[in-house]
Protein backbone atom coordinates (compact mmCIF):
# COMPACT_ATOMS: atom_id res chain seq x y z
CA MET A 1 21.58 3.11 -8.29
CA THR A 2 18.84 0.64 -9.19
CA ALA A 3 16.91 -0.14 -6.03
CA VAL A 4 15.47 -3.53 -5.15
CA VAL A 5 11.98 -2.71 -3.89
CA ALA A 6 9.51 -4.98 -2.10
CA ALA A 7 5.84 -4.15 -1.74
CA ILE A 8 4.24 -4.92 1.61
CA VAL A 9 0.47 -4.93 1.16
CA LEU A 10 -1.55 -4.65 4.37
CA ALA A 11 -4.86 -6.52 4.17
CA ALA A 12 -5.38 -7.49 7.79
CA GLY A 13 -7.98 -5.04 9.13
CA GLU A 14 -11.54 -5.76 10.21
CA SER A 15 -13.29 -3.29 7.84
CA SER A 16 -15.86 -2.67 10.57
CA ARG A 17 -17.43 0.45 9.04
CA MET A 18 -17.73 -1.16 5.62
CA GLY A 19 -19.44 -4.27 6.94
CA GLN A 20 -17.44 -6.59 4.67
CA PRO A 21 -13.73 -7.13 3.96
CA LYS A 22 -12.51 -4.11 2.02
CA PRO A 23 -9.79 -6.05 0.18
CA LEU A 24 -12.58 -8.08 -1.45
CA LEU A 25 -14.75 -5.20 -2.66
CA PRO A 26 -15.46 -5.56 -6.40
CA LEU A 27 -13.40 -3.47 -8.82
CA ASP A 28 -13.10 -4.00 -12.58
CA GLY A 29 -14.28 -7.59 -12.43
CA GLU A 30 -11.89 -8.48 -9.63
CA THR A 31 -11.32 -7.16 -6.10
CA PHE A 32 -9.57 -4.23 -4.49
CA LEU A 33 -6.71 -6.54 -3.53
CA GLY A 34 -6.58 -8.27 -6.90
CA HIS A 35 -6.55 -4.96 -8.76
CA LEU A 36 -3.77 -3.58 -6.57
CA LEU A 37 -1.68 -6.73 -6.95
CA ALA A 38 -2.06 -6.59 -10.74
CA GLU A 39 -0.74 -3.02 -10.78
CA ILE A 40 2.16 -3.98 -8.52
CA ARG A 41 3.00 -6.94 -10.77
CA SER A 42 3.12 -4.57 -13.75
CA SER A 43 5.52 -2.24 -11.94
CA ARG A 44 9.22 -2.38 -11.09
CA VAL A 45 8.53 -3.95 -7.70
CA ASP A 46 10.71 -7.03 -7.23
CA GLN A 47 8.84 -8.85 -4.46
CA THR A 48 5.36 -8.64 -2.94
CA ILE A 49 4.26 -9.69 0.53
CA VAL A 50 0.58 -9.59 1.52
CA VAL A 51 -0.18 -9.48 5.24
CA VAL A 52 -3.62 -10.79 6.22
CA GLY A 53 -5.19 -11.01 9.65
CA HIS A 54 -8.95 -10.73 10.07
CA ARG A 55 -10.74 -13.64 8.37
CA PRO A 56 -7.59 -14.80 6.58
CA ASP A 57 -9.35 -17.81 5.06
CA VAL A 58 -11.79 -15.54 3.24
CA ILE A 59 -9.03 -13.28 1.93
CA LEU A 60 -6.87 -16.22 0.86
CA SER A 61 -9.73 -17.90 -0.99
CA ALA A 62 -10.11 -14.80 -3.15
CA MET A 63 -6.42 -14.32 -3.94
CA PRO A 64 -5.49 -14.27 -7.62
CA GLU A 65 -3.98 -17.41 -9.12
CA ILE A 66 -0.58 -15.76 -9.46
CA ALA A 67 -0.40 -15.03 -5.75
CA PRO A 68 2.48 -13.36 -3.92
CA LEU A 69 3.85 -14.46 -0.59
CA VAL A 70 1.10 -14.26 2.03
CA VAL A 71 1.67 -14.15 5.79
CA VAL A 72 -0.80 -13.97 8.67
CA ASN A 73 -0.65 -11.37 11.44
CA HIS A 74 -2.42 -13.01 14.37
CA ASN A 75 -2.15 -9.73 16.31
CA TYR A 76 -3.80 -7.61 13.61
CA ALA A 77 -6.05 -5.95 16.21
CA LEU A 78 -2.97 -4.05 17.43
CA GLY A 79 -3.07 -1.93 14.27
CA GLN A 80 -1.44 -1.48 10.89
CA LEU A 81 2.07 -1.19 12.26
CA SER A 82 1.83 -4.69 13.73
CA SER A 83 1.07 -5.97 10.23
CA LEU A 84 3.93 -3.97 8.75
CA ARG A 85 6.30 -5.55 11.27
CA VAL A 86 5.17 -9.02 10.18
CA GLY A 87 5.86 -8.01 6.60
CA LEU A 88 9.31 -6.67 7.47
CA ASP A 89 10.15 -9.83 9.41
CA THR A 90 9.25 -11.87 6.31
CA LEU A 91 11.22 -9.67 3.95
CA GLY A 92 14.76 -10.89 4.37
CA GLU A 93 17.87 -8.90 3.50
CA ARG A 94 17.55 -8.32 -0.23
CA ALA A 95 15.29 -5.27 -0.42
CA ASP A 96 16.74 -1.77 -0.50
CA ALA A 97 13.32 -0.25 0.17
CA ILE A 98 9.69 -1.16 0.75
CA LEU A 99 6.57 0.20 -0.86
CA LEU A 100 3.95 0.28 1.89
CA SER A 101 0.58 -0.33 0.23
CA LEU A 102 -2.89 -0.66 1.74
CA ALA A 103 -5.39 -3.10 0.26
CA ASP A 104 -8.19 -0.57 0.72
CA HIS A 105 -6.28 1.98 -1.39
CA PRO A 106 -6.32 0.07 -4.70
CA PHE A 107 -6.14 2.90 -7.22
CA ALA A 108 -2.37 3.43 -7.44
CA SER A 109 -1.32 2.64 -11.01
CA HIS A 110 1.85 0.79 -11.95
CA THR A 111 2.99 4.01 -13.61
CA LEU A 112 2.70 5.90 -10.33
CA ILE A 113 4.47 3.11 -8.45
CA ASP A 114 7.37 3.25 -10.89
CA THR A 115 7.48 7.04 -10.58
CA ILE A 116 7.80 6.71 -6.80
CA ILE A 117 10.65 4.22 -7.16
CA ASP A 118 12.39 6.37 -9.78
CA ALA A 119 12.11 9.42 -7.50
CA HIS A 120 13.73 7.49 -4.66
CA GLU A 121 16.59 6.37 -6.87
CA ARG A 122 17.26 9.86 -8.18
CA SER A 123 17.00 11.69 -4.86
CA GLN A 124 18.08 8.96 -2.41
CA SER A 125 15.35 10.30 -0.12
CA PRO A 126 14.55 7.68 2.52
CA ILE A 127 10.81 8.42 2.35
CA VAL A 128 8.79 9.17 -0.78
CA ILE A 129 5.11 10.05 -0.49
CA PRO A 130 2.72 10.86 -3.37
CA VAL A 131 0.81 14.10 -2.83
CA HIS A 132 -2.42 15.16 -4.54
CA GLN A 133 -3.57 18.77 -4.11
CA GLY A 134 -1.62 19.13 -0.89
CA ARG A 135 -2.79 15.83 0.63
CA ARG A 136 -0.38 13.01 1.27
CA GLY A 137 -1.50 9.62 0.02
CA HIS A 138 -0.47 6.03 -0.64
CA PRO A 139 1.63 4.05 -1.33
CA THR A 140 4.66 5.28 0.62
CA LEU A 141 8.25 4.21 0.03
CA PHE A 142 10.61 3.67 2.97
CA ALA A 143 14.33 2.99 2.53
CA ARG A 144 16.02 0.09 4.34
CA SER A 145 17.77 2.53 6.69
CA LEU A 146 14.39 3.16 8.33
CA PHE A 147 13.36 -0.48 8.81
CA PRO A 148 14.66 -0.58 12.42
CA GLU A 149 12.61 2.50 13.29
CA LEU A 150 9.51 1.04 11.67
CA ARG A 151 9.99 -2.09 13.77
CA SER A 152 10.42 -0.16 17.02
CA ALA A 153 7.81 2.60 16.57
CA PRO A 154 4.88 2.64 19.04
CA LEU A 155 2.06 0.47 17.72
CA ASP A 156 -0.56 3.10 18.50
CA GLN A 157 1.21 5.70 16.36
CA GLY A 158 2.06 3.66 13.31
CA ALA A 159 4.49 4.46 10.52
CA ARG A 160 3.58 8.14 10.66
CA VAL A 161 5.79 8.62 13.71
CA VAL A 162 8.77 7.62 11.54
CA VAL A 163 7.63 10.02 8.82
CA HIS A 164 7.39 12.84 11.37
CA ALA A 165 10.82 12.02 12.80
CA HIS A 166 12.34 12.40 9.33
CA ALA A 167 10.21 15.28 8.12
CA ALA A 168 13.20 17.08 6.60
CA ASP A 169 14.08 14.01 4.52
CA VAL A 170 10.63 13.31 3.08
CA LEU A 171 10.28 13.71 -0.68
CA GLU A 172 6.73 14.71 -1.55
CA LEU A 173 5.91 13.61 -5.09
CA PRO A 174 3.13 15.74 -6.65
CA THR A 175 0.61 13.81 -8.74
CA ASP A 176 -2.62 14.60 -10.56
CA ASP A 177 -3.89 11.13 -9.63
CA ALA A 178 -6.58 11.59 -6.98
CA GLY A 179 -6.57 7.85 -6.37
CA VAL A 180 -3.58 8.18 -4.06
CA VAL A 181 -5.81 9.87 -1.47
CA ALA A 182 -8.79 7.53 -1.90
CA ASP A 183 -10.35 6.87 1.50
CA VAL A 184 -12.77 3.94 1.35
CA ASP A 185 -14.16 3.21 4.80
CA THR A 186 -17.93 3.25 4.21
CA PRO A 187 -20.34 2.02 1.51
CA GLU A 188 -20.95 5.65 0.54
CA GLN A 189 -17.24 6.32 0.01
CA TYR A 190 -16.94 3.09 -1.95
CA ALA A 191 -19.71 4.21 -4.31
CA GLN A 192 -18.10 7.63 -4.75
CA TRP A 193 -14.63 6.28 -5.53
CA LEU A 194 -16.00 3.56 -7.79
CA ALA A 195 -17.77 6.24 -9.83
CA TRP A 196 -14.54 8.27 -9.91
CA HIS A 197 -12.58 5.24 -11.11
CA ARG A 198 -15.08 4.47 -13.87
CA ALA A 199 -15.01 8.08 -15.03
CA ARG A 200 -11.20 7.99 -15.09
CA ARG A 201 -11.23 4.81 -17.15
CA GLY A 202 -13.76 6.33 -19.51
CA ALA A 203 -11.43 9.29 -20.01
CA GLY A 204 -8.61 6.93 -20.90
CA ASN A 205 -6.54 7.62 -17.79
CA GLY A 206 -6.88 4.34 -15.98
């Protein structure tokens, strides 16, 4: 079965520890968000929804010219799950699955995204998570059957409560790509991951 997959990109947070909006951090002559959207556009994803919240005018002004559908979560302070709900409410009925992506995790390649979708189609697992050296990362795929649970999960627990509830059904997808576990919350982490990304590009892997 060929799945229709929509990417929901969460870009609504305050980035308080970074001191500036993480979706707009420079990367390869563009931004975290722009880089991620370019990879998604190059993948098998059929539709992309970006959810903004904190300083939406700033984020919108920096969106690439070929912009996806953008919606505003006015309750972004309630956490990531509140933004995911806004994305799901915007989605409509066409998608068989969503690819939950975070704008501050921009290093997932279109190749990896396609591998996640392919793994879902082959296995029919309702949740597919990339794993690097034993650590779960992003983006995560959720099948439509789990959309109601994502909508009703406690806001303070996020999507992970749905993952835990379906632990036996999770497909962990091993990858050598450390970018899936990139954690960019501080200027120091940004510098470290930027150096990693440049080294990867220099090695011909990015």
